Amino acid sequence: MRLSTKDFEPASAFDAEVVEIDPALLARLGENRARVLDALTDRPVYGVNTGMGRLAGVAVDATAAHQRNLLVGRAVGGPPWLSPGEVRWLLLVRLRDLLAPEAGASPELVTFLVDRLNEGFTPAVPRTGLGSAGEIIPLAHAFQTFLGVGTVLVDGVETPASEVLAKPYEPGLKEGAILIQGSPLAETLAAFALAEVRRLVALQTLAAAIAVDVLGAPRAIYRPVMAGDDRVLRAVLVELGELIDGSAERRDVVQAPVSVRVAPRAIAHLTRVADDLDAVLRRSMPTDSPAFLDGEFVSTTGFHAVELGLRMDAVSAALAHLGEVSVQRAHRLLDKRFSGLPAQLTPAPGPYAGLVPLHKRAVGELHALRRLTTPATLGSLDTSAGQEDVQAFAWAAGNQLRDACARMFAITACDLITGSQARWLASGQGAPGLRAAYERLRELVPPVAEDRSLGPEVTALVAAFSAGGFGPF
């Protein structure tokens, strides 16, 4: 893939085996780099001829050695490390930032980064323990490896960067500072989580439809008109209506349990907060500090990714509520008073436990998910002798959201297996719009005629969700 402009989506390059930069773009970067170097005078320029943090007022010689020290001295993290896929995305986001004229990066640095991407170069980047105002700790770990310092992952094995890198990079003026500015880690975690949340929305819509289908719940409440002028809720109801169209209603059911009725609202809320997160990710703003704007160097706040962090916290909370709906809905399917099916969804209640243990797995996952809803973005502490007295901790919100998605995938797997089992025990084939999903579920998790260990099957179903191997959902 050839990049010809600074405005590109990391997602578009993520799956590309080869990333290329248009020579014309490199030429423009070179011209801009010359203007940046010309503007570096004897006046203080943060991180170029001054220290950083509380030492911003200390003058230093503007040398490549200083830029090197900026990368090496801040690498104080440790495992657990980001996955290779996350590291690749992190490097892509950093590449996007380097292509912005306000960064003032050289064509040589951009080319070096592109070469590392195309080689599958994977720095060991810490996931936790990052208490700075921005992300200088993980970014120092990521980019000190360009100097042949620190650790990289080779097939998952920690390896000295000096053994992998044939020719280290020598950062020019300002380039060490460029590499450790901004919050690309928070952006990376948000992008991964957002893709997972979109899959969960589709899967939870399916699980809600299956519950309506199996329980024979009254369908009038799912008419799009019930959304009023809420376009997001209306879209959920339209999709749900297509899935349940043609399902049989039980005349003896006046009102379905709340968990069955409110699922579309919970799904719509998750969709809405995910859309808010997506909108923040798509905004463009200078991330470098100082940024080269209108011929001068200006300190920025691009490192303070509070908008990302608070929205990721909100998505985690929305996931937890939807998880509560999902777990309760599955419990109703197990109860013959609501389903009209054999107790615990087993052909032989008593001798067999049926799917009650599966529900207990879901309860355990929900308990863990609830604990991930404590806002990670709040709780600042002084660092750098008081110069950095507020942190966004957006990376922490991203980690919590990724963990919340993992818990929610397990809950959804339990919910769908329960619904599939209920359909197997019920009469009829169910709604036409759900038959392909029922077939796919039974391929992955056959009906439970007698008790068996379902743990591996939950794991396999979650893996199918993650790999996109579950039909259109």
Protein backbone atom coordinates (compact mmCIF):
# COMPACT_ATOMS: atom_id res chain seq x y z
CA MET A 1 0.00 0.00 0.00
CA ARG A 2 1.39 3.38 -1.02
CA LEU A 3 0.65 6.38 1.19
CA SER A 4 0.43 9.63 -0.74
CA THR A 5 -1.03 11.92 1.91
CA LYS A 6 -0.80 12.39 5.64
CA ASP A 7 -4.53 11.72 5.91
CA PHE A 8 -4.86 7.96 5.89
CA GLU A 9 -6.67 5.43 8.02
CA PRO A 10 -4.39 3.07 9.95
CA ALA A 11 -7.07 0.45 9.38
CA SER A 12 -6.45 0.62 5.66
CA ALA A 13 -2.76 -0.12 6.11
CA PHE A 14 -3.07 -2.57 8.97
CA ASP A 15 -3.71 -5.62 6.81
CA ALA A 16 -1.35 -4.54 4.05
CA GLU A 17 1.80 -6.63 3.88
CA VAL A 18 3.80 -3.75 2.42
CA VAL A 19 3.51 -0.04 3.22
CA GLU A 20 5.08 2.44 0.79
CA ILE A 21 5.46 6.21 0.83
CA ASP A 22 4.96 8.19 -2.36
CA PRO A 23 8.28 9.84 -3.32
CA ALA A 24 6.46 13.15 -3.80
CA LEU A 25 5.30 13.02 -0.20
CA LEU A 26 8.83 12.29 0.98
CA ALA A 27 10.04 15.29 -1.00
CA ARG A 28 7.48 17.54 0.70
CA LEU A 29 8.56 16.18 4.07
CA GLY A 30 12.14 17.04 3.23
CA GLU A 31 11.20 20.61 2.35
CA ASN A 32 9.23 20.96 5.57
CA ARG A 33 12.11 19.46 7.55
CA ALA A 34 14.44 22.12 6.17
CA ARG A 35 12.05 24.84 7.36
CA VAL A 36 11.94 23.24 10.82
CA LEU A 37 15.73 23.15 11.08
CA ASP A 38 15.96 26.78 9.93
CA ALA A 39 13.52 27.78 12.67
CA LEU A 40 15.66 26.16 15.38
CA THR A 41 17.43 29.22 16.74
CA ASP A 42 18.98 29.98 20.09
CA ARG A 43 15.58 30.52 21.67
CA PRO A 44 14.30 27.72 23.94
CA VAL A 45 12.56 24.92 22.06
CA TYR A 46 11.13 22.27 24.37
CA GLY A 47 12.89 18.94 24.11
CA VAL A 48 15.34 20.23 21.50
CA ASN A 49 17.61 22.56 23.43
CA THR A 50 15.91 22.17 26.82
CA GLY A 51 15.19 19.35 29.21
CA MET A 52 11.67 17.91 29.51
CA GLY A 53 9.08 17.96 32.28
CA ARG A 54 10.21 19.98 35.29
CA LEU A 55 13.58 20.41 33.57
CA ALA A 56 12.02 22.31 30.68
CA GLY A 57 13.75 25.45 31.88
CA VAL A 58 17.21 23.87 31.80
CA ALA A 59 19.17 24.68 28.66
CA VAL A 60 21.00 21.80 26.96
CA ASP A 61 23.02 21.48 23.80
CA ALA A 62 20.82 20.77 20.78
CA THR A 63 22.46 17.54 19.68
CA ALA A 64 21.53 14.10 18.44
CA ALA A 65 22.87 12.73 21.72
CA HIS A 66 20.17 14.65 23.60
CA GLN A 67 17.48 13.17 21.33
CA ARG A 68 18.90 9.72 22.00
CA ASN A 69 18.78 10.30 25.75
CA LEU A 70 15.10 11.28 25.54
CA LEU A 71 14.32 7.78 24.26
CA VAL A 72 16.64 5.72 26.43
CA GLY A 73 16.17 7.38 29.83
CA ARG A 74 12.38 7.02 29.88
CA ALA A 75 12.11 3.31 29.12
CA VAL A 76 11.27 2.21 32.68
CA GLY A 77 8.39 -0.19 31.92
CA GLY A 78 8.17 -3.94 31.74
CA PRO A 79 5.88 -6.82 30.80
CA PRO A 80 3.15 -7.61 30.04
CA TRP A 81 3.85 -6.46 26.50
CA LEU A 82 1.46 -5.39 23.78
CA SER A 83 0.62 -8.06 21.22
CA PRO A 84 2.38 -7.94 17.82
CA GLY A 85 -0.85 -6.76 16.19
CA GLU A 86 -1.21 -3.92 18.68
CA VAL A 87 2.43 -2.92 18.19
CA ARG A 88 1.97 -2.82 14.42
CA TRP A 89 -1.05 -0.55 14.81
CA LEU A 90 0.89 1.65 17.25
CA LEU A 91 3.64 2.06 14.68
CA LEU A 92 1.08 2.88 12.00
CA VAL A 93 -0.51 5.56 14.16
CA ARG A 94 2.94 6.99 14.85
CA LEU A 95 3.63 6.95 11.09
CA ARG A 96 0.46 8.95 10.51
CA ASP A 97 1.68 11.51 13.05
CA LEU A 98 5.15 11.74 11.47
CA LEU A 99 3.57 12.55 8.11
CA ALA A 100 1.95 15.67 9.55
CA PRO A 101 3.91 18.85 8.72
CA GLU A 102 3.62 20.15 12.28
CA ALA A 103 5.74 17.23 13.51
CA GLY A 104 8.73 18.23 11.42
CA ALA A 105 10.02 14.66 10.98
CA SER A 106 12.66 13.93 8.38
CA PRO A 107 12.09 11.71 5.33
CA GLU A 108 14.83 9.47 6.74
CA LEU A 109 12.88 8.83 9.96
CA VAL A 110 9.67 8.13 8.05
CA THR A 111 11.47 5.74 5.70
CA PHE A 112 13.15 3.97 8.60
CA LEU A 113 9.78 3.43 10.31
CA VAL A 114 8.18 2.15 7.10
CA ASP A 115 11.04 -0.31 6.63
CA ARG A 116 10.57 -1.62 10.17
CA LEU A 117 6.84 -2.04 9.55
CA ASN A 118 7.50 -4.01 6.40
CA GLU A 119 10.01 -6.22 8.22
CA GLY A 120 7.53 -7.07 10.98
CA PHE A 121 9.81 -5.36 13.52
CA THR A 122 8.05 -5.69 16.90
CA PRO A 123 9.36 -3.64 19.84
CA ALA A 124 8.45 -4.89 23.32
CA VAL A 125 6.04 -2.18 24.48
CA PRO A 126 4.69 -2.25 28.05
CA ARG A 127 0.91 -2.40 28.50
CA THR A 128 0.70 -1.17 32.12
CA GLY A 129 2.52 0.86 34.77
CA LEU A 130 2.56 4.07 32.73
CA GLY A 131 2.17 7.03 35.07
CA SER A 132 3.16 9.95 32.88
CA ALA A 133 1.03 12.82 31.59
CA GLY A 134 1.32 11.38 28.09
CA GLU A 135 2.75 8.06 26.91
CA ILE A 136 6.48 8.69 27.11
CA ILE A 137 7.19 5.37 28.87
CA PRO A 138 5.67 3.00 26.29
CA LEU A 139 6.84 5.18 23.40
CA ALA A 140 10.40 5.24 24.74
CA HIS A 141 10.30 1.43 24.82
CA ALA A 142 8.92 1.35 21.29
CA PHE A 143 11.38 3.72 19.68
CA GLN A 144 14.60 3.23 21.62
CA THR A 145 14.73 0.01 19.63
CA PHE A 146 15.36 2.13 16.53
CA LEU A 147 18.68 2.99 18.16
CA GLY A 148 19.50 -0.68 18.70
CA VAL A 149 18.64 -0.35 22.39
CA GLY A 150 16.05 -2.26 24.41
CA THR A 151 14.01 -5.32 23.54
CA VAL A 152 12.04 -6.60 20.58
CA LEU A 153 9.83 -9.65 20.22
CA VAL A 154 10.86 -12.27 17.70
CA ASP A 155 8.15 -14.94 17.48
CA GLY A 156 7.17 -13.92 20.99
CA VAL A 157 10.69 -14.27 22.39
CA GLU A 158 12.31 -11.24 24.02
CA THR A 159 15.42 -10.42 22.01
CA PRO A 160 17.91 -7.52 22.28
CA ALA A 161 17.14 -4.96 19.57
CA SER A 162 20.85 -4.82 18.77
CA GLU A 163 20.68 -8.42 17.53
CA VAL A 164 17.79 -7.69 15.18
CA LEU A 165 18.52 -4.24 13.81
CA ALA A 166 21.21 -4.27 11.14
CA LYS A 167 21.76 -0.50 11.10
CA PRO A 168 20.43 1.64 13.99
CA TYR A 169 18.83 5.01 13.36
CA GLU A 170 20.52 8.19 14.56
CA PRO A 171 17.75 10.68 15.46
CA GLY A 172 18.13 14.22 14.24
CA LEU A 173 17.20 17.39 16.10
CA LYS A 174 13.71 17.19 17.61
CA GLU A 175 13.15 13.61 16.38
CA GLY A 176 13.58 11.89 19.74
CA ALA A 177 10.99 14.28 21.15
CA ILE A 178 8.66 13.65 18.20
CA LEU A 179 8.68 9.91 18.80
CA ILE A 180 7.57 10.09 22.45
CA GLN A 181 4.81 12.70 22.10
CA GLY A 182 1.06 12.19 21.76
CA SER A 183 -1.07 9.23 22.82
CA PRO A 184 -0.87 6.66 20.00
CA LEU A 185 -1.16 3.78 22.50
CA ALA A 186 -4.57 5.00 23.65
CA GLU A 187 -5.61 5.37 20.00
CA THR A 188 -4.38 1.85 19.25
CA LEU A 189 -6.28 0.26 22.12
CA ALA A 190 -9.40 2.27 21.27
CA ALA A 191 -9.29 1.16 17.63
CA PHE A 192 -8.96 -2.51 18.55
CA ALA A 193 -11.70 -2.26 21.16
CA LEU A 194 -14.03 -0.41 18.81
CA ALA A 195 -13.84 -3.24 16.26
CA GLU A 196 -14.66 -5.73 19.02
CA VAL A 197 -17.57 -3.66 20.28
CA ARG A 198 -19.08 -3.54 16.78
CA ARG A 199 -18.98 -7.36 16.64
CA LEU A 200 -20.54 -7.56 20.10
CA VAL A 201 -23.39 -5.30 19.04
CA ALA A 202 -24.21 -7.65 16.15
CA LEU A 203 -23.88 -10.77 18.32
CA GLN A 204 -26.00 -9.35 21.11
CA THR A 205 -28.69 -8.37 18.62
CA LEU A 206 -28.68 -11.97 17.46
CA ALA A 207 -28.88 -13.28 21.05
CA ALA A 208 -31.79 -10.96 21.79
CA ALA A 209 -33.62 -12.14 18.67
CA ILE A 210 -33.11 -15.78 19.61
CA ALA A 211 -34.58 -15.17 23.06
CA VAL A 212 -37.67 -13.53 21.55
CA ASP A 213 -37.98 -16.40 19.09
CA VAL A 214 -37.64 -19.18 21.66
CA LEU A 215 -39.82 -17.58 24.32
CA GLY A 216 -42.54 -16.64 21.85
CA ALA A 217 -42.43 -13.15 23.34
CA PRO A 218 -44.91 -10.52 22.16
CA ARG A 219 -43.35 -8.68 19.23
CA ALA A 220 -45.26 -5.41 19.21
CA ILE A 221 -42.75 -3.80 21.56
CA TYR A 222 -40.03 -4.25 18.91
CA ARG A 223 -41.79 -2.23 16.21
CA PRO A 224 -39.57 0.62 14.91
CA VAL A 225 -42.25 3.16 15.79
CA MET A 226 -41.48 2.44 19.44
CA ALA A 227 -38.17 4.26 18.99
CA GLY A 228 -39.80 7.64 18.44
CA ASP A 229 -37.17 9.95 16.96
CA ASP A 230 -34.24 7.90 18.31
CA ARG A 231 -32.53 6.88 15.06
CA VAL A 232 -30.04 4.57 16.74
CA LEU A 233 -32.72 2.62 18.60
CA ARG A 234 -34.87 2.54 15.46
CA ALA A 235 -32.01 0.91 13.51
CA VAL A 236 -31.62 -1.74 16.21
CA LEU A 237 -35.35 -2.46 16.18
CA VAL A 238 -35.37 -2.73 12.39
CA GLU A 239 -32.53 -5.26 12.46
CA LEU A 240 -34.11 -7.21 15.30
CA GLY A 241 -37.45 -7.19 13.51
CA GLU A 242 -35.91 -8.71 10.40
CA LEU A 243 -34.40 -11.53 12.47
CA ILE A 244 -37.61 -12.39 14.35
CA ASP A 245 -40.02 -11.91 11.45
CA GLY A 246 -42.19 -15.00 11.18
CA SER A 247 -41.50 -16.28 14.70
CA ALA A 248 -44.45 -17.66 16.63
CA GLU A 249 -45.94 -15.70 19.53
CA ARG A 250 -47.26 -17.50 22.61
CA ARG A 251 -50.77 -16.35 23.42
CA ASP A 252 -50.27 -17.14 27.12
CA VAL A 253 -47.38 -14.66 27.41
CA VAL A 254 -48.74 -11.21 28.18
CA GLN A 255 -45.37 -9.61 28.82
CA ALA A 256 -41.83 -10.97 28.46
CA PRO A 257 -39.25 -10.49 31.22
CA VAL A 258 -37.59 -7.08 31.35
CA SER A 259 -34.27 -8.51 30.18
CA VAL A 260 -35.96 -9.60 26.96
CA ARG A 261 -37.83 -6.35 26.41
CA VAL A 262 -35.07 -3.81 27.10
CA ALA A 263 -32.28 -5.50 25.13
CA PRO A 264 -32.72 -3.17 22.11
CA ARG A 265 -32.31 -0.10 24.32
CA ALA A 266 -29.15 -1.50 25.91
CA ILE A 267 -27.76 -2.35 22.46
CA ALA A 268 -28.66 1.13 21.16
CA HIS A 269 -26.88 2.78 24.07
CA LEU A 270 -23.74 0.74 23.48
CA THR A 271 -23.91 1.67 19.80
CA ARG A 272 -24.25 5.34 20.66
CA VAL A 273 -21.26 5.52 23.01
CA ALA A 274 -19.21 3.47 20.54
CA ASP A 275 -20.10 5.98 17.83
CA ASP A 276 -18.91 8.77 20.13
CA LEU A 277 -15.60 6.96 20.61
CA ASP A 278 -15.29 6.47 16.86
CA ALA A 279 -15.87 10.18 16.27
CA VAL A 280 -13.03 11.10 18.65
CA LEU A 281 -10.70 8.65 16.94
CA ARG A 282 -11.40 10.28 13.58
CA ARG A 283 -10.63 13.80 14.71
CA SER A 284 -7.39 15.35 13.53
CA MET A 285 -5.24 17.51 15.80
CA PRO A 286 -1.54 18.18 16.37
CA THR A 287 -0.09 15.50 18.63
CA ASP A 288 3.48 16.72 18.70
CA SER A 289 4.66 19.09 21.42
CA PRO A 290 6.11 21.44 20.48
CA ALA A 291 4.35 21.48 17.12
CA PHE A 292 5.76 23.47 14.21
CA LEU A 293 2.86 25.79 13.37
CA ASP A 294 3.03 28.95 11.26
CA GLY A 295 6.79 28.97 11.38
CA GLU A 296 7.17 28.68 15.13
CA PHE A 297 7.26 26.00 17.81
CA VAL A 298 4.15 25.82 20.00
CA SER A 299 3.52 23.56 22.98
CA THR A 300 0.33 21.52 22.59
CA THR A 301 -1.85 19.21 24.67
CA GLY A 302 -2.18 16.41 22.13
CA PHE A 303 -0.76 14.02 24.71
CA HIS A 304 -3.79 14.50 27.00
CA ALA A 305 -6.17 11.94 25.48
CA VAL A 306 -8.90 12.48 28.05
CA GLU A 307 -11.65 12.45 25.40
CA LEU A 308 -10.58 8.97 24.33
CA GLY A 309 -10.20 7.77 27.91
CA LEU A 310 -13.54 8.99 29.22
CA ARG A 311 -15.37 7.61 26.20
CA MET A 312 -13.69 4.24 26.58
CA ASP A 313 -14.76 4.27 30.24
CA ALA A 314 -18.31 4.97 29.04
CA VAL A 315 -18.19 2.08 26.58
CA SER A 316 -17.01 -0.28 29.33
CA ALA A 317 -19.98 0.78 31.47
CA ALA A 318 -22.38 0.26 28.57
CA LEU A 319 -20.91 -3.21 28.00
CA ALA A 320 -21.45 -4.10 31.66
CA HIS A 321 -25.11 -3.11 31.51
CA LEU A 322 -25.64 -5.10 28.32
CA GLY A 323 -23.83 -8.00 30.01
CA GLU A 324 -26.33 -7.85 32.86
CA VAL A 325 -29.18 -7.97 30.37
CA SER A 326 -27.58 -10.93 28.58
CA VAL A 327 -26.91 -12.98 31.72
CA GLN A 328 -30.41 -12.42 33.07
CA ARG A 329 -31.99 -13.25 29.72
CA ALA A 330 -30.12 -16.55 29.56
CA HIS A 331 -31.34 -17.35 33.08
CA ARG A 332 -34.93 -16.87 31.96
CA LEU A 333 -34.37 -19.38 29.14
CA LEU A 334 -33.23 -21.94 31.70
CA ASP A 335 -36.40 -21.49 33.76
CA LYS A 336 -39.32 -23.60 32.55
CA ARG A 337 -41.76 -21.07 34.03
CA PHE A 338 -40.71 -18.64 31.33
CA SER A 339 -39.65 -20.94 28.51
CA GLY A 340 -42.13 -23.78 28.80
CA LEU A 341 -39.16 -26.07 28.11
CA PRO A 342 -37.55 -28.76 30.30
CA ALA A 343 -35.90 -27.32 33.40
CA GLN A 344 -32.28 -26.18 32.90
CA LEU A 345 -32.64 -27.00 29.20
CA THR A 346 -31.76 -30.67 29.51
CA PRO A 347 -33.84 -33.60 28.22
CA ALA A 348 -33.40 -35.28 31.63
CA PRO A 349 -33.58 -32.75 34.50
CA GLY A 350 -32.11 -34.27 37.67
CA PRO A 351 -29.73 -36.83 36.24
CA TYR A 352 -28.27 -34.06 34.10
CA ALA A 353 -27.41 -30.49 35.18
CA GLY A 354 -28.11 -29.13 31.73
CA LEU A 355 -26.91 -25.59 31.01
CA VAL A 356 -27.08 -24.18 34.53
CA PRO A 357 -23.27 -24.53 34.92
CA LEU A 358 -22.91 -22.53 31.69
CA HIS A 359 -24.99 -19.75 33.21
CA LYS A 360 -22.72 -19.78 36.25
CA ARG A 361 -19.76 -19.23 33.93
CA ALA A 362 -21.59 -16.21 32.51
CA VAL A 363 -22.24 -14.91 36.02
CA GLY A 364 -18.54 -15.16 36.83
CA GLU A 365 -17.63 -13.30 33.65
CA LEU A 366 -20.17 -10.60 34.48
CA HIS A 367 -18.76 -10.21 37.97
CA ALA A 368 -15.33 -9.61 36.47
CA LEU A 369 -16.78 -7.25 33.86
CA ARG A 370 -18.49 -5.10 36.49
CA ARG A 371 -15.15 -4.51 38.21
CA LEU A 372 -13.80 -3.08 34.94
CA THR A 373 -16.30 -0.20 34.98
CA THR A 374 -14.40 1.88 37.57
CA PRO A 375 -13.31 4.92 35.52
CA ALA A 376 -9.66 4.50 34.62
CA THR A 377 -9.32 8.06 33.36
CA LEU A 378 -9.79 9.61 36.80
CA GLY A 379 -7.18 9.79 39.56
CA SER A 380 -4.30 12.13 38.74
CA LEU A 381 -1.10 12.42 40.79
CA ASP A 382 1.83 14.83 40.71
CA THR A 383 4.87 13.78 38.68
CA SER A 384 7.94 15.62 37.39
CA ALA A 385 8.18 17.64 40.63
CA GLY A 386 4.74 19.09 40.01
CA GLN A 387 5.24 20.11 36.37
CA GLU A 388 3.03 17.23 35.25
CA ASP A 389 0.19 17.31 37.77
CA VAL A 390 -2.62 15.76 35.70
CA GLN A 391 -2.73 12.51 33.73
CA ALA A 392 -5.46 11.21 31.43
CA PHE A 393 -4.64 7.49 31.85
CA ALA A 394 -6.43 6.89 28.54
CA TRP A 395 -4.21 3.86 27.89
CA ALA A 396 -5.57 2.33 31.12
CA ALA A 397 -9.13 2.93 29.97
CA GLY A 398 -8.18 1.18 26.74
CA ASN A 399 -6.80 -1.83 28.57
CA GLN A 400 -9.93 -2.06 30.70
CA LEU A 401 -12.15 -1.82 27.64
CA ARG A 402 -10.21 -4.59 25.86
CA ASP A 403 -10.64 -6.76 28.97
CA ALA A 404 -14.32 -5.85 29.16
CA CYS A 405 -14.80 -6.92 25.54
CA ALA A 406 -13.15 -10.28 26.28
CA ARG A 407 -15.53 -10.85 29.20
CA MET A 408 -18.49 -9.81 27.08
CA PHE A 409 -17.55 -12.22 24.30
CA ALA A 410 -17.62 -15.06 26.83
CA ILE A 411 -20.99 -13.92 28.20
CA THR A 412 -22.38 -13.70 24.67
CA ALA A 413 -21.11 -17.18 23.84
CA CYS A 414 -22.92 -18.57 26.89
CA ASP A 415 -26.07 -16.67 25.93
CA LEU A 416 -26.03 -17.94 22.35
CA ILE A 417 -25.33 -21.55 23.34
CA THR A 418 -28.27 -21.34 25.75
CA GLY A 419 -30.54 -19.96 23.05
CA SER A 420 -29.44 -22.60 20.56
CA GLN A 421 -30.13 -25.35 23.10
CA ALA A 422 -33.55 -23.90 23.83
CA ARG A 423 -34.42 -23.83 20.12
CA TRP A 424 -33.31 -27.48 19.83
CA LEU A 425 -35.65 -28.50 22.66
CA ALA A 426 -38.56 -26.39 21.41
CA SER A 427 -40.93 -27.35 18.64
CA GLY A 428 -40.52 -25.90 15.19
CA GLN A 429 -37.58 -24.36 13.33
CA GLY A 430 -37.98 -20.83 14.62
CA ALA A 431 -37.92 -17.59 12.66
CA PRO A 432 -36.63 -17.94 9.08
CA GLY A 433 -34.17 -15.09 9.64
CA LEU A 434 -32.51 -17.03 12.45
CA ARG A 435 -32.19 -20.47 10.88
CA ALA A 436 -28.73 -19.92 9.42
CA ALA A 437 -27.51 -18.74 12.82
CA TYR A 438 -29.03 -21.78 14.53
CA GLU A 439 -27.29 -24.06 12.05
CA ARG A 440 -23.95 -22.34 12.53
CA LEU A 441 -24.28 -22.49 16.32
CA ARG A 442 -25.02 -26.20 16.19
CA GLU A 443 -21.99 -26.79 13.99
CA LEU A 444 -19.75 -25.15 16.54
CA VAL A 445 -21.59 -26.33 19.66
CA PRO A 446 -23.79 -29.39 19.06
CA PRO A 447 -26.97 -29.74 21.15
CA VAL A 448 -26.34 -30.97 24.70
CA ALA A 449 -28.26 -34.26 24.88
CA GLU A 450 -26.33 -35.27 28.00
CA ASP A 451 -23.90 -33.41 30.23
CA ARG A 452 -20.43 -32.72 28.83
CA SER A 453 -17.63 -30.24 29.43
CA LEU A 454 -18.64 -27.07 27.60
CA GLY A 455 -15.63 -24.96 28.54
CA PRO A 456 -13.63 -25.80 25.39
CA GLU A 457 -16.69 -25.14 23.25
CA VAL A 458 -17.19 -21.69 24.79
CA THR A 459 -13.54 -20.98 24.00
CA ALA A 460 -13.94 -22.19 20.42
CA LEU A 461 -17.08 -20.10 19.91
CA VAL A 462 -15.35 -16.97 21.24
CA ALA A 463 -12.45 -17.67 18.89
CA ALA A 464 -14.91 -17.91 15.98
CA PHE A 465 -16.36 -14.54 16.96
CA SER A 466 -12.91 -12.95 17.05
CA ALA A 467 -11.82 -14.45 13.75
CA GLY A 468 -15.00 -13.41 11.97
CA GLY A 469 -15.91 -17.07 11.50
CA PHE A 470 -19.50 -16.75 12.61
CA GLY A 471 -21.32 -15.83 9.45
CA PRO A 472 -22.34 -12.19 9.10
CA PHE A 473 -22.36 -11.63 12.86
